[in-house]
Amino acid sequence: MSLLITSITINTPHLQDMLVFYRNIGFQFIASKVDKGSEVHRAIHNGVEFSLYSIQNSQRSQIPSLQLGFKITELERTVTELTKVPGAMCILDPTEMPDGKKAIVLDPDGHAIELCEYSP
């Protein structure tokens, strides 16, 4: 199996402080509005998208604090194996999307993992 990291998203109620923190590391963010009135700030580093997504404190228990994105081969087999791990859960079965076949699995700590299938 082949693996490429594609994205890291941090959902935070402390957006402005997080922007200052990660700008000091060297990220250069571009802001955009998203559905439901929130905003996201994205930076690309070595081909990996790093995003800070604004959420309300009241949403913290409903939205995973971290989302990782990976491109992998053998999407369906991988999702089947991941969901056998205690505490892991598939929240989006492998599905054809306009930009390719994707699935979303929660890891045992509840982090959202977006898996996109690709052929190396």
PDB file of N, CA and C in Angstrom:
ATOM      1  N   MET A   1       0.853  -1.181   0.000  1.00  0.00           N
ATOM      2  CA  MET A   1       0.000   0.000   0.000  1.00  0.00           C
ATOM      3  C   MET A   1       0.892   1.235   0.000  1.00  0.00           C
ATOM      4  N   SER A   2       0.450   2.246  -0.723  1.00  0.00           N
ATOM      5  CA  SER A   2       1.164   3.512  -0.803  1.00  0.00           C
ATOM      6  C   SER A   2       0.379   4.581  -0.050  1.00  0.00           C
ATOM      7  N   LEU A   3       1.084   5.555   0.545  1.00  0.00           N
ATOM      8  CA  LEU A   3       0.452   6.565   1.393  1.00  0.00           C
ATOM      9  C   LEU A   3       1.068   7.933   1.145  1.00  0.00           C
ATOM     10  N   LEU A   4       0.214   8.951   1.001  1.00  0.00           N
ATOM     11  CA  LEU A   4       0.642  10.343   0.909  1.00  0.00           C
ATOM     12  C   LEU A   4      -0.223  11.171   1.847  1.00  0.00           C
ATOM     13  N   ILE A   5       0.386  12.024   2.658  1.00  0.00           N
ATOM     14  CA  ILE A   5      -0.408  12.928   3.495  1.00  0.00           C
ATOM     15  C   ILE A   5      -0.862  14.093   2.621  1.00  0.00           C
ATOM     16  N   THR A   6      -2.141  14.462   2.723  1.00  0.00           N
ATOM     17  CA  THR A   6      -2.681  15.532   1.892  1.00  0.00           C
ATOM     18  C   THR A   6      -3.125  16.744   2.696  1.00  0.00           C
ATOM     19  N   SER A   7      -3.589  16.519   3.943  1.00  0.00           N
ATOM     20  CA  SER A   7      -4.096  17.666   4.689  1.00  0.00           C
ATOM     21  C   SER A   7      -4.103  17.415   6.191  1.00  0.00           C
ATOM     22  N   ILE A   8      -4.026  18.526   6.911  1.00  0.00           N
ATOM     23  CA  ILE A   8      -4.181  18.541   8.364  1.00  0.00           C
ATOM     24  C   ILE A   8      -5.123  19.701   8.666  1.00  0.00           C
ATOM     25  N   THR A   9      -6.208  19.427   9.380  1.00  0.00           N
ATOM     26  CA  THR A   9      -7.160  20.465   9.759  1.00  0.00           C
ATOM     27  C   THR A   9      -7.320  20.451  11.269  1.00  0.00           C
ATOM     28  N   ILE A  10      -7.165  21.615  11.878  1.00  0.00           N
ATOM     29  CA  ILE A  10      -7.406  21.759  13.311  1.00  0.00           C
ATOM     30  C   ILE A  10      -8.658  22.604  13.475  1.00  0.00           C
ATOM     31  N   ASN A  11      -9.653  22.051  14.160  1.00  0.00           N
ATOM     32  CA  ASN A  11     -10.882  22.782  14.480  1.00  0.00           C
ATOM     33  C   ASN A  11     -10.684  23.436  15.839  1.00  0.00           C
ATOM     34  N   THR A  12     -10.832  24.768  15.883  1.00  0.00           N
ATOM     35  CA  THR A  12     -10.470  25.480  17.102  1.00  0.00           C
ATOM     36  C   THR A  12     -11.434  26.613  17.442  1.00  0.00           C
ATOM     37  N   PRO A  13     -11.753  26.768  18.733  1.00  0.00           N
ATOM     38  CA  PRO A  13     -12.504  27.953  19.162  1.00  0.00           C
ATOM     39  C   PRO A  13     -11.576  29.147  19.422  1.00  0.00           C
ATOM     40  N   HIS A  14     -10.276  28.964  19.247  1.00  0.00           N
ATOM     41  CA  HIS A  14      -9.266  29.999  19.519  1.00  0.00           C
ATOM     42  C   HIS A  14      -8.560  30.405  18.222  1.00  0.00           C
ATOM     43  N   LEU A  15      -9.336  30.695  17.180  1.00  0.00           N
ATOM     44  CA  LEU A  15      -8.781  30.909  15.850  1.00  0.00           C
ATOM     45  C   LEU A  15      -7.690  31.976  15.808  1.00  0.00           C
ATOM     46  N   GLN A  16      -7.934  33.147  16.360  1.00  0.00           N
ATOM     47  CA  GLN A  16      -6.956  34.232  16.251  1.00  0.00           C
ATOM     48  C   GLN A  16      -5.631  33.876  16.930  1.00  0.00           C
ATOM     49  N   ASP A  17      -5.691  33.276  18.109  1.00  0.00           N
ATOM     50  CA  ASP A  17      -4.461  32.869  18.792  1.00  0.00           C
ATOM     51  C   ASP A  17      -3.738  31.775  18.017  1.00  0.00           C
ATOM     52  N   MET A  18      -4.495  30.848  17.445  1.00  0.00           N
ATOM     53  CA  MET A  18      -3.882  29.772  16.655  1.00  0.00           C
ATOM     54  C   MET A  18      -3.216  30.336  15.404  1.00  0.00           C
ATOM     55  N   LEU A  19      -3.836  31.338  14.773  1.00  0.00           N
ATOM     56  CA  LEU A  19      -3.228  31.962  13.599  1.00  0.00           C
ATOM     57  C   LEU A  19      -1.885  32.596  13.953  1.00  0.00           C
ATOM     58  N   VAL A  20      -1.849  33.335  15.053  1.00  0.00           N
ATOM     59  CA  VAL A  20      -0.588  33.963  15.482  1.00  0.00           C
ATOM     60  C   VAL A  20       0.460  32.886  15.741  1.00  0.00           C
ATOM     61  N   PHE A  21       0.075  31.841  16.456  1.00  0.00           N
ATOM     62  CA  PHE A  21       1.003  30.756  16.801  1.00  0.00           C
ATOM     63  C   PHE A  21       1.594  30.124  15.540  1.00  0.00           C
ATOM     64  N   TYR A  22       0.737  29.710  14.605  1.00  0.00           N
ATOM     65  CA  TYR A  22       1.224  29.000  13.421  1.00  0.00           C
ATOM     66  C   TYR A  22       1.867  29.932  12.392  1.00  0.00           C
ATOM     67  N   ARG A  23       1.502  31.208  12.378  1.00  0.00           N
ATOM     68  CA  ARG A  23       2.221  32.165  11.526  1.00  0.00           C
ATOM     69  C   ARG A  23       3.657  32.322  12.013  1.00  0.00           C
ATOM     70  N   ASN A  24       3.842  32.302  13.331  1.00  0.00           N
ATOM     71  CA  ASN A  24       5.197  32.397  13.878  1.00  0.00           C
ATOM     72  C   ASN A  24       6.051  31.189  13.507  1.00  0.00           C
ATOM     73  N   ILE A  25       5.423  30.060  13.272  1.00  0.00           N
ATOM     74  CA  ILE A  25       6.164  28.881  12.800  1.00  0.00           C
ATOM     75  C   ILE A  25       6.567  29.065  11.339  1.00  0.00           C
ATOM     76  N   GLY A  26       5.763  29.829  10.586  1.00  0.00           N
ATOM     77  CA  GLY A  26       6.105  30.087   9.196  1.00  0.00           C
ATOM     78  C   GLY A  26       4.980  29.874   8.193  1.00  0.00           C
ATOM     79  N   PHE A  27       3.794  29.481   8.645  1.00  0.00           N
ATOM     80  CA  PHE A  27       2.687  29.275   7.716  1.00  0.00           C
ATOM     81  C   PHE A  27       2.133  30.614   7.249  1.00  0.00           C
ATOM     82  N   GLN A  28       1.769  30.682   5.963  1.00  0.00           N
ATOM     83  CA  GLN A  28       1.147  31.865   5.381  1.00  0.00           C
ATOM     84  C   GLN A  28      -0.273  31.482   4.981  1.00  0.00           C
ATOM     85  N   PHE A  29      -1.242  31.974   5.737  1.00  0.00           N
ATOM     86  CA  PHE A  29      -2.628  31.560   5.575  1.00  0.00           C
ATOM     87  C   PHE A  29      -3.399  32.454   4.613  1.00  0.00           C
ATOM     88  N   ILE A  30      -4.367  31.835   3.948  1.00  0.00           N
ATOM     89  CA  ILE A  30      -5.350  32.545   3.137  1.00  0.00           C
ATOM     90  C   ILE A  30      -6.712  32.223   3.745  1.00  0.00           C
ATOM     91  N   ALA A  31      -7.477  33.276   4.056  1.00  0.00           N
ATOM     92  CA  ALA A  31      -8.774  33.103   4.715  1.00  0.00           C
ATOM     93  C   ALA A  31      -9.882  32.935   3.683  1.00  0.00           C
ATOM     94  N   SER A  32     -10.898  32.140   4.072  1.00  0.00           N
ATOM     95  CA  SER A  32     -12.107  32.032   3.270  1.00  0.00           C
ATOM     96  C   SER A  32     -13.281  31.696   4.179  1.00  0.00           C
ATOM     97  N   LYS A  33     -14.464  32.100   3.756  1.00  0.00           N
ATOM     98  CA  LYS A  33     -15.690  31.789   4.496  1.00  0.00           C
ATOM     99  C   LYS A  33     -16.169  30.411   4.066  1.00  0.00           C
ATOM    100  N   VAL A  34     -16.827  29.713   4.981  1.00  0.00           N
ATOM    101  CA  VAL A  34     -17.404  28.410   4.671  1.00  0.00           C
ATOM    102  C   VAL A  34     -18.869  28.421   5.078  1.00  0.00           C
ATOM    103  N   ASP A  35     -19.593  27.395   4.675  1.00  0.00           N
ATOM    104  CA  ASP A  35     -21.015  27.285   5.020  1.00  0.00           C
ATOM    105  C   ASP A  35     -21.228  27.467   6.519  1.00  0.00           C
ATOM    106  N   LYS A  36     -22.393  27.927   6.857  1.00  0.00           N
ATOM    107  CA  LYS A  36     -22.819  28.098   8.247  1.00  0.00           C
ATOM    108  C   LYS A  36     -22.063  29.217   8.963  1.00  0.00           C
ATOM    109  N   GLY A  37     -21.492  30.177   8.184  1.00  0.00           N
ATOM    110  CA  GLY A  37     -20.941  31.379   8.776  1.00  0.00           C
ATOM    111  C   GLY A  37     -19.578  31.270   9.419  1.00  0.00           C
ATOM    112  N   SER A  38     -18.934  30.139   9.326  1.00  0.00           N
ATOM    113  CA  SER A  38     -17.616  29.986   9.934  1.00  0.00           C
ATOM    114  C   SER A  38     -16.548  30.451   8.949  1.00  0.00           C
ATOM    115  N   GLU A  39     -15.304  30.339   9.362  1.00  0.00           N
ATOM    116  CA  GLU A  39     -14.207  30.671   8.452  1.00  0.00           C
ATOM    117  C   GLU A  39     -13.091  29.665   8.615  1.00  0.00           C
ATOM    118  N   VAL A  40     -12.332  29.539   7.538  1.00  0.00           N
ATOM    119  CA  VAL A  40     -11.189  28.640   7.538  1.00  0.00           C
ATOM    120  C   VAL A  40      -9.998  29.405   6.975  1.00  0.00           C
ATOM    121  N   HIS A  41      -8.832  29.130   7.525  1.00  0.00           N
ATOM    122  CA  HIS A  41      -7.584  29.725   7.052  1.00  0.00           C
ATOM    123  C   HIS A  41      -6.707  28.565   6.594  1.00  0.00           C
ATOM    124  N   ARG A  42      -6.280  28.621   5.316  1.00  0.00           N
ATOM    125  CA  ARG A  42      -5.513  27.524   4.730  1.00  0.00           C
ATOM    126  C   ARG A  42      -4.123  27.987   4.328  1.00  0.00           C
ATOM    127  N   ALA A  43      -3.170  27.082   4.508  1.00  0.00           N
ATOM    128  CA  ALA A  43      -1.801  27.301   4.049  1.00  0.00           C
ATOM    129  C   ALA A  43      -1.344  26.006   3.388  1.00  0.00           C
ATOM    130  N   ILE A  44      -0.533  26.126   2.368  1.00  0.00           N
ATOM    131  CA  ILE A  44       0.032  24.952   1.700  1.00  0.00           C
ATOM    132  C   ILE A  44       1.525  24.934   1.999  1.00  0.00           C
ATOM    133  N   HIS A  45       2.007  23.787   2.477  1.00  0.00           N
ATOM    134  CA  HIS A  45       3.437  23.626   2.752  1.00  0.00           C
ATOM    135  C   HIS A  45       3.882  22.289   2.190  1.00  0.00           C
ATOM    136  N   ASN A  46       4.829  22.326   1.264  1.00  0.00           N
ATOM    137  CA  ASN A  46       5.334  21.111   0.613  1.00  0.00           C
ATOM    138  C   ASN A  46       4.203  20.238   0.083  1.00  0.00           C
ATOM    139  N   GLY A  47       3.167  20.876  -0.486  1.00  0.00           N
ATOM    140  CA  GLY A  47       2.062  20.145  -1.080  1.00  0.00           C
ATOM    141  C   GLY A  47       1.006  19.666  -0.104  1.00  0.00           C
ATOM    142  N   VAL A  48       1.165  19.939   1.187  1.00  0.00           N
ATOM    143  CA  VAL A  48       0.199  19.520   2.202  1.00  0.00           C
ATOM    144  C   VAL A  48      -0.605  20.749   2.634  1.00  0.00           C
ATOM    145  N   GLU A  49      -1.943  20.603   2.631  1.00  0.00           N
ATOM    146  CA  GLU A  49      -2.796  21.693   3.079  1.00  0.00           C
ATOM    147  C   GLU A  49      -2.909  21.646   4.601  1.00  0.00           C
ATOM    148  N   PHE A  50      -2.607  22.771   5.244  1.00  0.00           N
ATOM    149  CA  PHE A  50      -2.732  22.907   6.695  1.00  0.00           C
ATOM    150  C   PHE A  50      -3.810  23.952   6.941  1.00  0.00           C
ATOM    151  N   SER A  51      -4.889  23.576   7.628  1.00  0.00           N
ATOM    152  CA  SER A  51      -6.026  24.470   7.808  1.00  0.00           C
ATOM    153  C   SER A  51      -6.379  24.646   9.274  1.00  0.00           C
ATOM    154  N   LEU A  52      -6.790  25.871   9.601  1.00  0.00           N
ATOM    155  CA  LEU A  52      -7.351  26.190  10.910  1.00  0.00           C
ATOM    156  C   LEU A  52      -8.806  26.565  10.670  1.00  0.00           C
ATOM    157  N   TYR A  53      -9.708  25.825  11.288  1.00  0.00           N
ATOM    158  CA  TYR A  53     -11.137  25.977  11.076  1.00  0.00           C
ATOM    159  C   TYR A  53     -11.777  26.493  12.350  1.00  0.00           C
ATOM    160  N   SER A  54     -12.489  27.598  12.242  1.00  0.00           N
ATOM    161  CA  SER A  54     -13.107  28.230  13.410  1.00  0.00           C
ATOM    162  C   SER A  54     -14.382  27.497  13.814  1.00  0.00           C
ATOM    163  N   ILE A  55     -14.434  27.094  15.096  1.00  0.00           N
ATOM    164  CA  ILE A  55     -15.653  26.507  15.657  1.00  0.00           C
ATOM    165  C   ILE A  55     -15.983  27.235  16.960  1.00  0.00           C
ATOM    166  N   GLN A  56     -17.210  27.111  17.399  1.00  0.00           N
ATOM    167  CA  GLN A  56     -17.638  27.678  18.677  1.00  0.00           C
ATOM    168  C   GLN A  56     -17.283  26.716  19.800  1.00  0.00           C
ATOM    169  N   ASN A  57     -17.073  27.241  21.000  1.00  0.00           N
ATOM    170  CA  ASN A  57     -16.808  26.379  22.159  1.00  0.00           C
ATOM    171  C   ASN A  57     -17.888  25.321  22.326  1.00  0.00           C
ATOM    172  N   SER A  58     -19.140  25.680  22.041  1.00  0.00           N
ATOM    173  CA  SER A  58     -20.251  24.743  22.211  1.00  0.00           C
ATOM    174  C   SER A  58     -20.186  23.581  21.222  1.00  0.00           C
ATOM    175  N   GLN A  59     -19.412  23.707  20.151  1.00  0.00           N
ATOM    176  CA  GLN A  59     -19.286  22.657  19.142  1.00  0.00           C
ATOM    177  C   GLN A  59     -18.161  21.670  19.449  1.00  0.00           C
ATOM    178  N   ARG A  60     -17.329  21.972  20.425  1.00  0.00           N
ATOM    179  CA  ARG A  60     -16.129  21.167  20.686  1.00  0.00           C
ATOM    180  C   ARG A  60     -16.423  19.687  20.889  1.00  0.00           C
ATOM    181  N   SER A  61     -17.510  19.358  21.571  1.00  0.00           N
ATOM    182  CA  SER A  61     -17.795  17.953  21.837  1.00  0.00           C
ATOM    183  C   SER A  61     -18.420  17.265  20.630  1.00  0.00           C
ATOM    184  N   GLN A  62     -18.884  18.022  19.629  1.00  0.00           N
ATOM    185  CA  GLN A  62     -19.555  17.454  18.462  1.00  0.00           C
ATOM    186  C   GLN A  62     -18.637  17.314  17.256  1.00  0.00           C
ATOM    187  N   ILE A  63     -17.566  18.081  17.208  1.00  0.00           N
ATOM    188  CA  ILE A  63     -16.679  18.116  16.049  1.00  0.00           C
ATOM    189  C   ILE A  63     -15.289  17.651  16.477  1.00  0.00           C
ATOM    190  N   PRO A  64     -14.707  16.688  15.760  1.00  0.00           N
ATOM    191  CA  PRO A  64     -13.343  16.282  16.110  1.00  0.00           C
ATOM    192  C   PRO A  64     -12.396  17.483  16.061  1.00  0.00           C
ATOM    193  N   SER A  65     -11.457  17.549  17.005  1.00  0.00           N
ATOM    194  CA  SER A  65     -10.541  18.691  17.056  1.00  0.00           C
ATOM    195  C   SER A  65      -9.492  18.637  15.946  1.00  0.00           C
ATOM    196  N   LEU A  66      -9.288  17.462  15.383  1.00  0.00           N
ATOM    197  CA  LEU A  66      -8.244  17.279  14.379  1.00  0.00           C
ATOM    198  C   LEU A  66      -8.764  16.414  13.260  1.00  0.00           C
ATOM    199  N   GLN A  67      -8.444  16.796  12.020  1.00  0.00           N
ATOM    200  CA  GLN A  67      -8.744  15.951  10.865  1.00  0.00           C
ATOM    201  C   GLN A  67      -7.486  15.835  10.031  1.00  0.00           C
ATOM    202  N   LEU A  68      -7.147  14.615   9.678  1.00  0.00           N
ATOM    203  CA  LEU A  68      -6.011  14.346   8.807  1.00  0.00           C
ATOM    204  C   LEU A  68      -6.524  13.815   7.479  1.00  0.00           C
ATOM    205  N   GLY A  69      -5.848  14.140   6.412  1.00  0.00           N
ATOM    206  CA  GLY A  69      -6.218  13.634   5.093  1.00  0.00           C
ATOM    207  C   GLY A  69      -5.053  12.874   4.481  1.00  0.00           C
ATOM    208  N   PHE A  70      -5.355  11.702   3.942  1.00  0.00           N
ATOM    209  CA  PHE A  70      -4.335  10.868   3.312  1.00  0.00           C
ATOM    210  C   PHE A  70      -4.833  10.359   1.976  1.00  0.00           C
ATOM    211  N   LYS A  71      -3.928  10.237   1.015  1.00  0.00           N
ATOM    212  CA  LYS A  71      -4.197   9.513  -0.222  1.00  0.00           C
ATOM    213  C   LYS A  71      -3.596   8.131  -0.049  1.00  0.00           C
ATOM    214  N   ILE A  72      -4.407   7.116  -0.346  1.00  0.00           N
ATOM    215  CA  ILE A  72      -3.949   5.737  -0.182  1.00  0.00           C
ATOM    216  C   ILE A  72      -4.400   4.896  -1.370  1.00  0.00           C
ATOM    217  N   THR A  73      -3.777   3.759  -1.533  1.00  0.00           N
ATOM    218  CA  THR A  73      -4.262   2.756  -2.464  1.00  0.00           C
ATOM    219  C   THR A  73      -5.127   1.791  -1.656  1.00  0.00           C
ATOM    220  N   GLU A  74      -5.930   1.013  -2.307  1.00  0.00           N
ATOM    221  CA  GLU A  74      -6.743  -0.012  -1.647  1.00  0.00           C
ATOM    222  C   GLU A  74      -7.673   0.570  -0.582  1.00  0.00           C
ATOM    223  N   LEU A  75      -8.459   1.566  -0.964  1.00  0.00           N
ATOM    224  CA  LEU A  75      -9.328   2.274  -0.026  1.00  0.00           C
ATOM    225  C   LEU A  75     -10.293   1.340   0.697  1.00  0.00           C
ATOM    226  N   GLU A  76     -11.034   0.545  -0.037  1.00  0.00           N
ATOM    227  CA  GLU A  76     -12.061  -0.294   0.602  1.00  0.00           C
ATOM    228  C   GLU A  76     -11.452  -1.307   1.560  1.00  0.00           C
ATOM    229  N   ARG A  77     -10.354  -1.941   1.179  1.00  0.00           N
ATOM    230  CA  ARG A  77      -9.694  -2.904   2.059  1.00  0.00           C
ATOM    231  C   ARG A  77      -9.191  -2.221   3.324  1.00  0.00           C
ATOM    232  N   THR A  78      -8.618  -1.028   3.153  1.00  0.00           N
ATOM    233  CA  THR A  78      -8.085  -0.291   4.295  1.00  0.00           C
ATOM    234  C   THR A  78      -9.194   0.106   5.264  1.00  0.00           C
ATOM    235  N   VAL A  79     -10.320   0.589   4.737  1.00  0.00           N
ATOM    236  CA  VAL A  79     -11.438   0.976   5.604  1.00  0.00           C
ATOM    237  C   VAL A  79     -11.953  -0.244   6.363  1.00  0.00           C
ATOM    238  N   THR A  80     -12.056  -1.371   5.696  1.00  0.00           N
ATOM    239  CA  THR A  80     -12.498  -2.606   6.360  1.00  0.00           C
ATOM    240  C   THR A  80     -11.573  -2.960   7.511  1.00  0.00           C
ATOM    241  N   GLU A  81     -10.269  -2.872   7.302  1.00  0.00           N
ATOM    242  CA  GLU A  81      -9.300  -3.203   8.350  1.00  0.00           C
ATOM    243  C   GLU A  81      -9.343  -2.178   9.491  1.00  0.00           C
ATOM    244  N   LEU A  82      -9.459  -0.895   9.146  1.00  0.00           N
ATOM    245  CA  LEU A  82      -9.492   0.148  10.175  1.00  0.00           C
ATOM    246  C   LEU A  82     -10.692   0.002  11.090  1.00  0.00           C
ATOM    247  N   THR A  83     -11.837  -0.362  10.544  1.00  0.00           N
ATOM    248  CA  THR A  83     -13.043  -0.461  11.364  1.00  0.00           C
ATOM    249  C   THR A  83     -13.039  -1.689  12.260  1.00  0.00           C
ATOM    250  N   LYS A  84     -12.071  -2.564  12.105  1.00  0.00           N
ATOM    251  CA  LYS A  84     -11.895  -3.695  13.022  1.00  0.00           C
ATOM    252  C   LYS A  84     -11.155  -3.283  14.294  1.00  0.00           C
ATOM    253  N   VAL A  85     -10.507  -2.134  14.265  1.00  0.00           N
ATOM    254  CA  VAL A  85      -9.744  -1.650  15.417  1.00  0.00           C
ATOM    255  C   VAL A  85     -10.723  -1.152  16.481  1.00  0.00           C
ATOM    256  N   PRO A  86     -10.601  -1.628  17.725  1.00  0.00           N
ATOM    257  CA  PRO A  86     -11.521  -1.172  18.778  1.00  0.00           C
ATOM    258  C   PRO A  86     -11.518   0.356  18.903  1.00  0.00           C
ATOM    259  N   GLY A  87     -12.711   0.935  18.908  1.00  0.00           N
ATOM    260  CA  GLY A  87     -12.858   2.378  19.051  1.00  0.00           C
ATOM    261  C   GLY A  87     -12.913   3.130  17.744  1.00  0.00           C
ATOM    262  N   ALA A  88     -12.493   2.511  16.640  1.00  0.00           N
ATOM    263  CA  ALA A  88     -12.552   3.171  15.333  1.00  0.00           C
ATOM    264  C   ALA A  88     -13.960   3.031  14.759  1.00  0.00           C
ATOM    265  N   MET A  89     -14.352   4.008  13.923  1.00  0.00           N
ATOM    266  CA  MET A  89     -15.690   3.978  13.356  1.00  0.00           C
ATOM    267  C   MET A  89     -15.700   4.682  12.005  1.00  0.00           C
ATOM    268  N   CYS A  90     -16.338   4.086  11.034  1.00  0.00           N
ATOM    269  CA  CYS A  90     -16.479   4.699   9.715  1.00  0.00           C
ATOM    270  C   CYS A  90     -17.689   5.623   9.736  1.00  0.00           C
ATOM    271  N   ILE A  91     -17.492   6.899   9.376  1.00  0.00           N
ATOM    272  CA  ILE A  91     -18.616   7.832   9.333  1.00  0.00           C
ATOM    273  C   ILE A  91     -18.990   8.205   7.898  1.00  0.00           C
ATOM    274  N   LEU A  92     -18.155   7.851   6.925  1.00  0.00           N
ATOM    275  CA  LEU A  92     -18.488   7.974   5.500  1.00  0.00           C
ATOM    276  C   LEU A  92     -17.882   6.766   4.798  1.00  0.00           C
ATOM    277  N   ASP A  93     -18.748   5.845   4.370  1.00  0.00           N
ATOM    278  CA  ASP A  93     -18.272   4.673   3.633  1.00  0.00           C
ATOM    279  C   ASP A  93     -17.593   5.122   2.352  1.00  0.00           C
ATOM    280  N   PRO A  94     -16.704   4.286   1.777  1.00  0.00           N
ATOM    281  CA  PRO A  94     -16.079   4.657   0.513  1.00  0.00           C
ATOM    282  C   PRO A  94     -17.146   5.079  -0.513  1.00  0.00           C
ATOM    283  N   THR A  95     -17.011   6.321  -0.995  1.00  0.00           N
ATOM    284  CA  THR A  95     -18.017   6.944  -1.842  1.00  0.00           C
ATOM    285  C   THR A  95     -17.336   7.692  -2.977  1.00  0.00           C
ATOM    286  N   GLU A  96     -17.884   7.554  -4.189  1.00  0.00           N
ATOM    287  CA  GLU A  96     -17.389   8.341  -5.326  1.00  0.00           C
ATOM    288  C   GLU A  96     -17.797   9.792  -5.134  1.00  0.00           C
ATOM    289  N   MET A  97     -16.825  10.681  -5.188  1.00  0.00           N
ATOM    290  CA  MET A  97     -17.054  12.124  -5.089  1.00  0.00           C
ATOM    291  C   MET A  97     -16.542  12.752  -6.385  1.00  0.00           C
ATOM    292  N   PRO A  98     -16.880  14.024  -6.630  1.00  0.00           N
ATOM    293  CA  PRO A  98     -16.384  14.671  -7.855  1.00  0.00           C
ATOM    294  C   PRO A  98     -14.859  14.644  -7.978  1.00  0.00           C
ATOM    295  N   ASP A  99     -14.145  14.679  -6.847  1.00  0.00           N
ATOM    296  CA  ASP A  99     -12.678  14.680  -6.890  1.00  0.00           C
ATOM    297  C   ASP A  99     -12.073  13.330  -6.524  1.00  0.00           C
ATOM    298  N   GLY A 100     -12.854  12.249  -6.618  1.00  0.00           N
ATOM    299  CA  GLY A 100     -12.317  10.914  -6.374  1.00  0.00           C
ATOM    300  C   GLY A 100     -13.064  10.168  -5.284  1.00  0.00           C
ATOM    301  N   LYS A 101     -12.708   8.920  -5.105  1.00  0.00           N
ATOM    302  CA  LYS A 101     -13.346   8.064  -4.099  1.00  0.00           C
ATOM    303  C   LYS A 101     -12.768   8.363  -2.727  1.00  0.00           C
ATOM    304  N   LYS A 102     -13.669   8.589  -1.737  1.00  0.00           N
ATOM    305  CA  LYS A 102     -13.242   8.987  -0.394  1.00  0.00           C
ATOM    306  C   LYS A 102     -14.008   8.215   0.665  1.00  0.00           C
ATOM    307  N   ALA A 103     -13.413   8.171   1.860  1.00  0.00           N
ATOM    308  CA  ALA A 103     -14.064   7.654   3.057  1.00  0.00           C
ATOM    309  C   ALA A 103     -13.573   8.489   4.227  1.00  0.00           C
ATOM    310  N   ILE A 104     -14.359   8.532   5.301  1.00  0.00           N
ATOM    311  CA  ILE A 104     -13.922   9.195   6.533  1.00  0.00           C
ATOM    312  C   ILE A 104     -14.105   8.211   7.673  1.00  0.00           C
ATOM    313  N   VAL A 105     -13.024   8.014   8.420  1.00  0.00           N
ATOM    314  CA  VAL A 105     -13.012   7.095   9.555  1.00  0.00           C
ATOM    315  C   VAL A 105     -12.565   7.877  10.781  1.00  0.00           C
ATOM    316  N   LEU A 106     -13.208   7.613  11.915  1.00  0.00           N
ATOM    317  CA  LEU A 106     -12.737   8.187  13.182  1.00  0.00           C
ATOM    318  C   LEU A 106     -11.739   7.221  13.789  1.00  0.00           C
ATOM    319  N   ASP A 107     -10.577   7.736  14.206  1.00  0.00           N
ATOM    320  CA  ASP A 107      -9.597   6.869  14.862  1.00  0.00           C
ATOM    321  C   ASP A 107     -10.053   6.597  16.297  1.00  0.00           C
ATOM    322  N   PRO A 108      -9.368   5.725  17.047  1.00  0.00           N
ATOM    323  CA  PRO A 108      -9.825   5.399  18.393  1.00  0.00           C
ATOM    324  C   PRO A 108      -9.917   6.593  19.350  1.00  0.00           C
ATOM    325  N   ASP A 109      -9.223   7.694  19.060  1.00  0.00           N
ATOM    326  CA  ASP A 109      -9.331   8.904  19.881  1.00  0.00           C
ATOM    327  C   ASP A 109     -10.404   9.860  19.368  1.00  0.00           C
ATOM    328  N   GLY A 110     -11.080   9.504  18.278  1.00  0.00           N
ATOM    329  CA  GLY A 110     -12.147  10.340  17.735  1.00  0.00           C
ATOM    330  C   GLY A 110     -11.715  11.360  16.710  1.00  0.00           C
ATOM    331  N   HIS A 111     -10.459  11.308  16.231  1.00  0.00           N
ATOM    332  CA  HIS A 111     -10.001  12.220  15.190  1.00  0.00           C
ATOM    333  C   HIS A 111     -10.528  11.745  13.836  1.00  0.00           C
ATOM    334  N   ALA A 112     -10.959  12.689  13.012  1.00  0.00           N
ATOM    335  CA  ALA A 112     -11.466  12.367  11.682  1.00  0.00           C
ATOM    336  C   ALA A 112     -10.299  12.154  10.729  1.00  0.00           C
ATOM    337  N   ILE A 113     -10.335  11.028  10.028  1.00  0.00           N
ATOM    338  CA  ILE A 113      -9.297  10.692   9.047  1.00  0.00           C
ATOM    339  C   ILE A 113      -9.967  10.568   7.680  1.00  0.00           C
ATOM    340  N   GLU A 114      -9.672  11.502   6.769  1.00  0.00           N
ATOM    341  CA  GLU A 114     -10.209  11.442   5.412  1.00  0.00           C
ATOM    342  C   GLU A 114      -9.243  10.637   4.564  1.00  0.00           C
ATOM    343  N   LEU A 115      -9.748   9.609   3.919  1.00  0.00           N
ATOM    344  CA  LEU A 115      -8.940   8.746   3.060  1.00  0.00           C
ATOM    345  C   LEU A 115      -9.424   8.899   1.625  1.00  0.00           C
ATOM    346  N   CYS A 116      -8.509   9.223   0.726  1.00  0.00           N
ATOM    347  CA  CYS A 116      -8.820   9.381  -0.697  1.00  0.00           C
ATOM    348  C   CYS A 116      -8.029   8.318  -1.456  1.00  0.00           C
ATOM    349  N   GLU A 117      -8.701   7.638  -2.368  1.00  0.00           N
ATOM    350  CA  GLU A 117      -8.023   6.582  -3.125  1.00  0.00           C
ATOM    351  C   GLU A 117      -7.285   7.166  -4.314  1.00  0.00           C
ATOM    352  N   TYR A 118      -6.092   6.625  -4.574  1.00  0.00           N
ATOM    353  CA  TYR A 118      -5.347   7.015  -5.763  1.00  0.00           C
ATOM    354  C   TYR A 118      -4.542   5.831  -6.260  1.00  0.00           C
ATOM    355  N   SER A 119      -4.149   5.921  -7.520  1.00  0.00           N
ATOM    356  CA  SER A 119      -3.285   4.899  -8.116  1.00  0.00           C
ATOM    357  C   SER A 119      -1.905   5.496  -8.282  1.00  0.00           C
ATOM    358  N   PRO A 120      -0.882   4.853  -7.682  1.00  0.00           N
ATOM    359  CA  PRO A 120       0.483   5.415  -7.772  1.00  0.00           C
ATOM    360  C   PRO A 120       1.034   5.340  -9.189  1.00  0.00           C
TER     361      PRO A 120
END
